[in-house]
N, C-alpha and C. Protein backbone atom coordinates (compact mmCIF):
# COMPACT_ATOMS: atom_id res chain seq x y z
N MET A 1 -9.96 17.29 6.59
CA MET A 1 -9.78 15.89 6.22
C MET A 1 -8.88 15.23 7.28
N ASN A 2 -9.32 14.09 7.83
CA ASN A 2 -8.49 13.42 8.81
C ASN A 2 -7.36 12.65 8.12
N LYS A 3 -6.44 12.14 8.92
CA LYS A 3 -5.24 11.47 8.40
C LYS A 3 -5.59 10.30 7.49
N ILE A 4 -6.51 9.45 7.93
CA ILE A 4 -6.85 8.28 7.13
C ILE A 4 -7.55 8.70 5.82
N ALA A 5 -8.44 9.66 5.91
CA ALA A 5 -9.12 10.14 4.69
C ALA A 5 -8.12 10.70 3.71
N LYS A 6 -7.10 11.41 4.20
CA LYS A 6 -6.07 11.95 3.32
C LYS A 6 -5.27 10.84 2.66
N ILE A 7 -4.92 9.81 3.42
CA ILE A 7 -4.17 8.69 2.86
C ILE A 7 -5.00 8.01 1.78
N VAL A 8 -6.28 7.74 2.06
CA VAL A 8 -7.15 7.11 1.07
C VAL A 8 -7.27 7.98 -0.18
N SER A 9 -7.49 9.26 0.02
CA SER A 9 -7.61 10.19 -1.11
C SER A 9 -6.32 10.24 -1.92
N ASP A 10 -5.19 10.32 -1.24
CA ASP A 10 -3.89 10.37 -1.94
C ASP A 10 -3.64 9.08 -2.72
N LEU A 11 -3.92 7.93 -2.11
CA LEU A 11 -3.73 6.65 -2.81
C LEU A 11 -4.65 6.56 -4.03
N ARG A 12 -5.88 7.00 -3.86
CA ARG A 12 -6.83 6.97 -4.98
C ARG A 12 -6.30 7.82 -6.13
N LYS A 13 -5.81 9.01 -5.80
CA LYS A 13 -5.31 9.93 -6.83
C LYS A 13 -4.03 9.40 -7.47
N GLU A 14 -3.15 8.74 -6.68
CA GLU A 14 -1.93 8.15 -7.22
C GLU A 14 -2.26 7.10 -8.28
N LYS A 15 -3.35 6.38 -8.08
CA LYS A 15 -3.78 5.38 -9.04
C LYS A 15 -4.50 5.99 -10.24
N GLY A 16 -4.77 7.30 -10.15
CA GLY A 16 -5.49 7.96 -11.22
C GLY A 16 -6.98 7.62 -11.22
N TRP A 17 -7.48 7.22 -10.06
CA TRP A 17 -8.87 6.82 -9.94
C TRP A 17 -9.76 7.98 -9.52
N SER A 18 -10.96 7.98 -10.03
CA SER A 18 -12.00 8.89 -9.53
C SER A 18 -12.62 8.24 -8.30
N GLN A 19 -13.47 9.01 -7.61
CA GLN A 19 -14.20 8.41 -6.50
C GLN A 19 -15.11 7.29 -7.01
N THR A 20 -15.64 7.44 -8.21
CA THR A 20 -16.48 6.39 -8.81
C THR A 20 -15.66 5.12 -9.04
N ASP A 21 -14.43 5.27 -9.52
CA ASP A 21 -13.56 4.10 -9.71
C ASP A 21 -13.35 3.38 -8.38
N LEU A 22 -13.04 4.13 -7.34
CA LEU A 22 -12.82 3.53 -6.03
C LEU A 22 -14.11 2.88 -5.51
N ALA A 23 -15.21 3.51 -5.77
CA ALA A 23 -16.50 2.94 -5.37
C ALA A 23 -16.73 1.59 -6.06
N ASN A 24 -16.43 1.54 -7.34
CA ASN A 24 -16.58 0.29 -8.08
C ASN A 24 -15.67 -0.81 -7.55
N GLU A 25 -14.45 -0.44 -7.19
CA GLU A 25 -13.48 -1.42 -6.68
C GLU A 25 -13.80 -1.87 -5.25
N SER A 26 -14.33 -0.97 -4.45
CA SER A 26 -14.54 -1.28 -3.02
C SER A 26 -15.94 -1.74 -2.68
N GLY A 27 -16.91 -1.45 -3.56
CA GLY A 27 -18.30 -1.76 -3.24
C GLY A 27 -18.96 -0.79 -2.30
N ILE A 28 -18.32 0.36 -2.08
CA ILE A 28 -18.87 1.43 -1.24
C ILE A 28 -19.29 2.56 -2.17
N SER A 29 -20.41 3.18 -1.88
CA SER A 29 -20.94 4.18 -2.80
C SER A 29 -19.99 5.39 -2.95
N ARG A 30 -20.03 5.98 -4.13
CA ARG A 30 -19.22 7.16 -4.40
C ARG A 30 -19.60 8.29 -3.46
N GLU A 31 -20.86 8.39 -3.15
CA GLU A 31 -21.34 9.45 -2.25
C GLU A 31 -20.70 9.33 -0.88
N ILE A 32 -20.63 8.12 -0.34
CA ILE A 32 -20.01 7.90 0.96
C ILE A 32 -18.51 8.19 0.90
N ILE A 33 -17.86 7.76 -0.16
CA ILE A 33 -16.43 8.04 -0.32
C ILE A 33 -16.19 9.54 -0.37
N GLY A 34 -17.02 10.26 -1.13
CA GLY A 34 -16.89 11.72 -1.21
C GLY A 34 -17.08 12.38 0.14
N LYS A 35 -18.10 11.96 0.88
CA LYS A 35 -18.33 12.52 2.21
C LYS A 35 -17.16 12.23 3.13
N TYR A 36 -16.65 11.02 3.03
CA TYR A 36 -15.52 10.63 3.87
C TYR A 36 -14.29 11.49 3.57
N GLU A 37 -13.98 11.66 2.29
CA GLU A 37 -12.82 12.46 1.91
C GLU A 37 -12.97 13.92 2.32
N ARG A 38 -14.20 14.41 2.37
CA ARG A 38 -14.46 15.80 2.78
C ARG A 38 -14.57 15.94 4.30
N GLY A 39 -14.50 14.83 5.02
CA GLY A 39 -14.62 14.88 6.47
C GLY A 39 -16.05 14.98 6.95
N LYS A 40 -17.02 14.67 6.11
CA LYS A 40 -18.43 14.75 6.47
C LYS A 40 -18.97 13.41 6.96
N ALA A 41 -18.17 12.37 6.92
CA ALA A 41 -18.57 11.05 7.40
C ALA A 41 -17.38 10.42 8.12
N THR A 42 -17.69 9.62 9.11
CA THR A 42 -16.63 8.90 9.82
C THR A 42 -16.53 7.48 9.27
N SER A 43 -15.42 6.85 9.53
CA SER A 43 -15.21 5.52 8.97
C SER A 43 -15.30 4.44 10.05
N SER A 44 -15.68 3.29 9.60
CA SER A 44 -15.65 2.09 10.43
C SER A 44 -14.41 1.30 10.01
N ILE A 45 -14.07 0.30 10.80
CA ILE A 45 -12.94 -0.56 10.42
C ILE A 45 -13.25 -1.28 9.11
N ASP A 46 -14.52 -1.64 8.90
CA ASP A 46 -14.93 -2.30 7.66
C ASP A 46 -14.69 -1.38 6.47
N PHE A 47 -15.04 -0.10 6.61
CA PHE A 47 -14.85 0.87 5.54
C PHE A 47 -13.37 0.98 5.20
N VAL A 48 -12.53 1.18 6.20
CA VAL A 48 -11.09 1.35 5.97
C VAL A 48 -10.50 0.07 5.38
N ASN A 49 -10.93 -1.07 5.86
CA ASN A 49 -10.43 -2.34 5.34
C ASN A 49 -10.82 -2.50 3.86
N ARG A 50 -12.03 -2.14 3.51
CA ARG A 50 -12.47 -2.24 2.11
C ARG A 50 -11.71 -1.27 1.23
N MET A 51 -11.41 -0.08 1.75
CA MET A 51 -10.61 0.89 1.01
C MET A 51 -9.20 0.33 0.78
N ALA A 52 -8.60 -0.22 1.85
CA ALA A 52 -7.26 -0.79 1.74
C ALA A 52 -7.23 -1.91 0.71
N ASP A 53 -8.21 -2.81 0.76
CA ASP A 53 -8.27 -3.91 -0.20
C ASP A 53 -8.39 -3.38 -1.64
N ALA A 54 -9.29 -2.43 -1.82
CA ALA A 54 -9.51 -1.88 -3.17
C ALA A 54 -8.25 -1.19 -3.69
N LEU A 55 -7.53 -0.52 -2.80
CA LEU A 55 -6.34 0.22 -3.21
C LEU A 55 -5.08 -0.64 -3.22
N GLY A 56 -5.19 -1.88 -2.76
CA GLY A 56 -4.07 -2.82 -2.80
C GLY A 56 -2.99 -2.53 -1.77
N VAL A 57 -3.39 -2.01 -0.61
CA VAL A 57 -2.42 -1.75 0.45
C VAL A 57 -2.85 -2.47 1.72
N SER A 58 -1.93 -2.60 2.66
CA SER A 58 -2.27 -3.22 3.93
C SER A 58 -3.11 -2.25 4.77
N LEU A 59 -3.82 -2.80 5.71
CA LEU A 59 -4.67 -1.98 6.57
C LEU A 59 -3.83 -0.97 7.35
N ASP A 60 -2.68 -1.40 7.87
CA ASP A 60 -1.85 -0.44 8.61
C ASP A 60 -1.28 0.64 7.72
N PHE A 61 -1.02 0.32 6.46
CA PHE A 61 -0.59 1.34 5.52
C PHE A 61 -1.69 2.39 5.34
N SER A 62 -2.90 1.92 5.21
CA SER A 62 -4.01 2.84 4.95
C SER A 62 -4.30 3.77 6.12
N VAL A 63 -3.88 3.38 7.31
CA VAL A 63 -4.08 4.26 8.47
C VAL A 63 -2.78 4.94 8.88
N GLY A 64 -1.68 4.63 8.18
CA GLY A 64 -0.42 5.34 8.41
C GLY A 64 0.33 4.94 9.67
N VAL A 65 0.13 3.71 10.13
CA VAL A 65 0.83 3.26 11.33
C VAL A 65 1.38 1.86 11.11
N GLY A 66 2.23 1.44 12.02
CA GLY A 66 2.74 0.08 12.00
C GLY A 66 4.04 -0.05 11.25
N THR A 67 4.70 -1.15 11.48
CA THR A 67 6.01 -1.38 10.86
C THR A 67 5.90 -1.62 9.37
N THR A 68 4.73 -2.02 8.89
CA THR A 68 4.56 -2.27 7.46
C THR A 68 3.87 -1.11 6.76
N ALA A 69 3.84 0.05 7.39
CA ALA A 69 3.10 1.17 6.84
C ALA A 69 3.59 1.60 5.47
N LYS A 70 4.84 1.31 5.15
CA LYS A 70 5.36 1.75 3.86
C LYS A 70 5.25 0.69 2.77
N PHE A 71 4.65 -0.47 3.07
CA PHE A 71 4.58 -1.56 2.10
C PHE A 71 3.18 -1.73 1.55
N ASP A 72 3.10 -2.02 0.25
CA ASP A 72 1.81 -2.39 -0.32
C ASP A 72 1.58 -3.87 0.00
N LYS A 73 0.42 -4.37 -0.31
CA LYS A 73 0.07 -5.75 0.05
C LYS A 73 0.97 -6.78 -0.62
N LYS A 74 1.32 -6.55 -1.88
CA LYS A 74 2.16 -7.50 -2.61
C LYS A 74 3.54 -7.59 -1.96
N THR A 75 4.11 -6.46 -1.61
CA THR A 75 5.43 -6.45 -0.97
C THR A 75 5.36 -7.11 0.40
N LEU A 76 4.34 -6.78 1.17
CA LEU A 76 4.16 -7.38 2.47
C LEU A 76 4.04 -8.89 2.38
N LYS A 77 3.26 -9.38 1.43
CA LYS A 77 3.11 -10.83 1.24
C LYS A 77 4.44 -11.48 0.91
N ARG A 78 5.23 -10.83 0.05
CA ARG A 78 6.54 -11.39 -0.30
C ARG A 78 7.45 -11.45 0.92
N ILE A 79 7.44 -10.41 1.72
CA ILE A 79 8.27 -10.40 2.93
C ILE A 79 7.83 -11.52 3.86
N GLN A 80 6.54 -11.71 4.02
CA GLN A 80 6.04 -12.79 4.88
C GLN A 80 6.45 -14.15 4.33
N ASP A 81 6.40 -14.33 3.01
CA ASP A 81 6.82 -15.59 2.40
C ASP A 81 8.31 -15.83 2.60
N ILE A 82 9.11 -14.79 2.47
CA ILE A 82 10.55 -14.92 2.67
C ILE A 82 10.84 -15.35 4.10
N GLU A 83 10.12 -14.79 5.04
CA GLU A 83 10.33 -15.14 6.45
C GLU A 83 10.07 -16.62 6.73
N GLN A 84 9.31 -17.28 5.87
CA GLN A 84 9.00 -18.70 6.06
C GLN A 84 10.04 -19.63 5.45
N LEU A 85 10.98 -19.07 4.68
CA LEU A 85 12.01 -19.89 4.05
C LEU A 85 13.01 -20.40 5.07
N LYS A 86 13.69 -21.50 4.71
CA LYS A 86 14.81 -22.00 5.52
C LYS A 86 15.92 -20.98 5.46
N GLU A 87 16.74 -20.94 6.51
CA GLU A 87 17.80 -19.93 6.61
C GLU A 87 18.75 -19.95 5.42
N ASP A 88 19.15 -21.13 4.93
CA ASP A 88 20.08 -21.17 3.81
C ASP A 88 19.43 -20.62 2.53
N ASN A 89 18.14 -20.87 2.36
CA ASN A 89 17.43 -20.30 1.21
C ASN A 89 17.33 -18.77 1.32
N LYS A 90 17.07 -18.29 2.54
CA LYS A 90 17.03 -16.83 2.75
C LYS A 90 18.38 -16.22 2.45
N THR A 91 19.45 -16.88 2.86
CA THR A 91 20.80 -16.35 2.62
C THR A 91 21.06 -16.23 1.13
N HIS A 92 20.68 -17.25 0.35
CA HIS A 92 20.86 -17.19 -1.11
C HIS A 92 20.01 -16.09 -1.72
N LEU A 93 18.78 -16.00 -1.30
CA LEU A 93 17.88 -14.97 -1.83
C LEU A 93 18.40 -13.58 -1.51
N TYR A 94 18.86 -13.37 -0.29
CA TYR A 94 19.40 -12.07 0.11
C TYR A 94 20.65 -11.73 -0.68
N SER A 95 21.48 -12.73 -0.99
CA SER A 95 22.68 -12.47 -1.79
C SER A 95 22.31 -11.97 -3.19
N VAL A 96 21.33 -12.61 -3.80
CA VAL A 96 20.87 -12.18 -5.13
C VAL A 96 20.26 -10.79 -5.05
N LEU A 97 19.42 -10.57 -4.06
CA LEU A 97 18.77 -9.28 -3.87
C LEU A 97 19.79 -8.19 -3.62
N ASP A 98 20.77 -8.46 -2.75
CA ASP A 98 21.81 -7.47 -2.47
C ASP A 98 22.60 -7.11 -3.74
N ALA A 99 22.91 -8.11 -4.55
CA ALA A 99 23.64 -7.86 -5.79
C ALA A 99 22.81 -7.01 -6.74
N PHE A 100 21.54 -7.33 -6.87
CA PHE A 100 20.65 -6.56 -7.73
C PHE A 100 20.56 -5.11 -7.25
N LEU A 101 20.35 -4.91 -5.96
CA LEU A 101 20.24 -3.55 -5.42
C LEU A 101 21.55 -2.78 -5.55
N ARG A 102 22.66 -3.45 -5.33
CA ARG A 102 23.97 -2.80 -5.50
C ARG A 102 24.15 -2.35 -6.95
N ASP A 103 23.82 -3.23 -7.89
CA ASP A 103 23.95 -2.88 -9.32
C ASP A 103 23.03 -1.74 -9.70
N ALA A 104 21.80 -1.76 -9.19
CA ALA A 104 20.86 -0.68 -9.50
C ALA A 104 21.35 0.64 -8.92
N THR A 105 21.88 0.61 -7.73
CA THR A 105 22.42 1.82 -7.10
C THR A 105 23.62 2.35 -7.90
N THR A 106 24.47 1.46 -8.35
CA THR A 106 25.65 1.85 -9.14
C THR A 106 25.23 2.47 -10.46
N ARG A 107 24.26 1.83 -11.15
CA ARG A 107 23.76 2.39 -12.42
C ARG A 107 23.17 3.78 -12.19
N LYS A 108 22.44 3.94 -11.12
CA LYS A 108 21.84 5.24 -10.82
C LYS A 108 22.90 6.28 -10.53
N ALA A 109 23.94 5.89 -9.82
CA ALA A 109 25.00 6.83 -9.45
C ALA A 109 25.77 7.31 -10.69
N TYR A 110 25.90 6.45 -11.70
CA TYR A 110 26.66 6.81 -12.89
C TYR A 110 25.79 7.28 -14.06
N ALA A 111 24.50 7.34 -13.84
CA ALA A 111 23.59 7.81 -14.90
C ALA A 111 23.80 9.29 -15.15
N ILE A 112 23.67 9.66 -16.39
CA ILE A 112 23.85 11.05 -16.76
C ILE A 112 22.52 11.74 -16.87
């Protein structure tokens, strides 16, 4: 199994989806997905893009490269939206986010 096939397979399994479920979500046949996961078929950019869309991740995440490789599409979209804010709005948002993360870390550290 190549790297991309493993990522697609792992993401599918994390969602608790069968190959049929992924086929229904992506519009690609279960047979092709099965062959791909077994390394019996190669992928096109269209195939990988459709897999990424169906699984709700960015294209670079699905191929395991790029600076956004660890982000799902929703997180990536939020980061892009934040980047478009005015600096003072970003400062306020980051203050709230920092406080939330600090509190979550503290709760975790003191959890029994």
